Amino acid sequence: MENSVKTPGRLAAQAIEKNEFEPGSISLPSKLWRILERLQHDRSDSSLSTTIRVLLLERLAEKQYLSQEEKKALGL
């Protein structure tokens, strides 16, 4: 059975992530971690990684680090 649920931010992730994923870890203050978890729930993202990735991509776009194609994939 095909999964018909669309993951928010997935198109942007596909446009940006032409390279393979680079696994890693980060440490954040507990308060920030809880905020990100609430955002994940509010946005209905499938994972915390998705939430963080989309937030980071949006900020990078604001700072002009992304191409027009990448910005368009983000809906900016």
C-alpha atoms as a PDB file:
ATOM      1  CA  MET A   1       0.000   0.000   0.000  1.00  0.00           C
ATOM      2  CA  GLU A   2       1.384   3.379  -0.984  1.00  0.00           C
ATOM      3  CA  ASN A   3       1.740   6.017   1.690  1.00  0.00           C
ATOM      4  CA  SER A   4      -0.428   8.964   0.620  1.00  0.00           C
ATOM      5  CA  VAL A   5       0.502  11.168   3.571  1.00  0.00           C
ATOM      6  CA  LYS A   6       2.580  14.130   2.476  1.00  0.00           C
ATOM      7  CA  THR A   7       5.417  15.167   4.726  1.00  0.00           C
ATOM      8  CA  PRO A   8       5.681  18.952   5.116  1.00  0.00           C
ATOM      9  CA  GLY A   9       9.024  20.191   3.893  1.00  0.00           C
ATOM     10  CA  ARG A  10       9.786  17.059   1.897  1.00  0.00           C
ATOM     11  CA  LEU A  11       9.947  18.829  -1.475  1.00  0.00           C
ATOM     12  CA  ALA A  12      12.376  21.344  -0.049  1.00  0.00           C
ATOM     13  CA  ALA A  13      14.420  18.563   1.467  1.00  0.00           C
ATOM     14  CA  GLN A  14      14.568  16.784  -1.898  1.00  0.00           C
ATOM     15  CA  ALA A  15      15.637  19.936  -3.735  1.00  0.00           C
ATOM     16  CA  ILE A  16      18.321  20.790  -1.204  1.00  0.00           C
ATOM     17  CA  GLU A  17      19.575  17.344  -0.357  1.00  0.00           C
ATOM     18  CA  LYS A  18      20.918  16.166  -3.675  1.00  0.00           C
ATOM     19  CA  ASN A  19      23.841  14.908  -1.633  1.00  0.00           C
ATOM     20  CA  GLU A  20      23.569  12.028   0.763  1.00  0.00           C
ATOM     21  CA  PHE A  21      22.626  12.644   4.373  1.00  0.00           C
ATOM     22  CA  GLU A  22      25.478  13.250   6.762  1.00  0.00           C
ATOM     23  CA  PRO A  23      24.455  11.747  10.107  1.00  0.00           C
ATOM     24  CA  GLY A  24      25.542  13.573  13.204  1.00  0.00           C
ATOM     25  CA  SER A  25      24.366  14.835  16.527  1.00  0.00           C
ATOM     26  CA  ILE A  26      23.944  18.179  18.185  1.00  0.00           C
ATOM     27  CA  SER A  27      23.531  19.276  21.771  1.00  0.00           C
ATOM     28  CA  LEU A  28      20.941  21.894  22.605  1.00  0.00           C
ATOM     29  CA  PRO A  29      19.674  23.419  25.814  1.00  0.00           C
ATOM     30  CA  SER A  30      16.683  21.483  27.204  1.00  0.00           C
ATOM     31  CA  LYS A  31      14.378  24.469  26.771  1.00  0.00           C
ATOM     32  CA  LEU A  32      15.211  24.743  23.063  1.00  0.00           C
ATOM     33  CA  TRP A  33      14.774  20.993  22.604  1.00  0.00           C
ATOM     34  CA  ARG A  34      11.264  21.182  24.127  1.00  0.00           C
ATOM     35  CA  ILE A  35      10.378  24.101  21.840  1.00  0.00           C
ATOM     36  CA  LEU A  36      11.512  22.107  18.802  1.00  0.00           C
ATOM     37  CA  GLU A  37       9.456  19.105  19.922  1.00  0.00           C
ATOM     38  CA  ARG A  38       6.361  21.330  20.234  1.00  0.00           C
ATOM     39  CA  LEU A  39       7.056  22.769  16.775  1.00  0.00           C
ATOM     40  CA  GLN A  40       7.355  19.250  15.379  1.00  0.00           C
ATOM     41  CA  HIS A  41       3.959  18.391  16.789  1.00  0.00           C
ATOM     42  CA  ASP A  42       2.347  21.678  15.668  1.00  0.00           C
ATOM     43  CA  ARG A  43       3.748  21.315  12.145  1.00  0.00           C
ATOM     44  CA  SER A  44       2.861  17.591  11.993  1.00  0.00           C
ATOM     45  CA  ASP A  45       6.389  16.796  10.878  1.00  0.00           C
ATOM     46  CA  SER A  46       7.266  13.108  10.805  1.00  0.00           C
ATOM     47  CA  SER A  47      10.477  13.623  12.757  1.00  0.00           C
ATOM     48  CA  LEU A  48      12.360  16.160  14.795  1.00  0.00           C
ATOM     49  CA  SER A  49      15.074  16.060  12.129  1.00  0.00           C
ATOM     50  CA  THR A  50      12.544  17.251   9.544  1.00  0.00           C
ATOM     51  CA  THR A  51      11.500  20.152  11.754  1.00  0.00           C
ATOM     52  CA  ILE A  52      15.083  21.226  12.397  1.00  0.00           C
ATOM     53  CA  ARG A  53      16.065  20.788   8.746  1.00  0.00           C
ATOM     54  CA  VAL A  54      13.202  22.943   7.443  1.00  0.00           C
ATOM     55  CA  LEU A  55      13.764  25.669  10.049  1.00  0.00           C
ATOM     56  CA  LEU A  56      17.466  25.723   9.213  1.00  0.00           C
ATOM     57  CA  LEU A  57      16.823  25.818   5.459  1.00  0.00           C
ATOM     58  CA  GLU A  58      14.394  28.706   5.865  1.00  0.00           C
ATOM     59  CA  ARG A  59      16.973  30.675   7.851  1.00  0.00           C
ATOM     60  CA  LEU A  60      19.717  29.884   5.333  1.00  0.00           C
ATOM     61  CA  ALA A  61      17.426  31.127   2.562  1.00  0.00           C
ATOM     62  CA  GLU A  62      16.854  34.388   4.456  1.00  0.00           C
ATOM     63  CA  LYS A  63      20.623  34.815   4.731  1.00  0.00           C
ATOM     64  CA  GLN A  64      21.024  34.260   0.953  1.00  0.00           C
ATOM     65  CA  TYR A  65      22.921  30.961   1.261  1.00  0.00           C
ATOM     66  CA  LEU A  66      20.503  29.074  -1.010  1.00  0.00           C
ATOM     67  CA  SER A  67      19.946  29.247  -4.747  1.00  0.00           C
ATOM     68  CA  GLN A  68      16.725  30.546  -6.296  1.00  0.00           C
ATOM     69  CA  GLU A  69      15.736  26.953  -7.131  1.00  0.00           C
ATOM     70  CA  GLU A  70      16.229  25.897  -3.518  1.00  0.00           C
ATOM     71  CA  LYS A  71      14.263  28.910  -2.267  1.00  0.00           C
ATOM     72  CA  LYS A  72      11.444  28.127  -4.679  1.00  0.00           C
ATOM     73  CA  ALA A  73      11.298  24.543  -3.360  1.00  0.00           C
ATOM     74  CA  LEU A  74      10.881  26.020   0.123  1.00  0.00           C
ATOM     75  CA  GLY A  75       8.033  28.208  -1.103  1.00  0.00           C
ATOM     76  CA  LEU A  76       9.981  31.442  -0.574  1.00  0.00           C
END
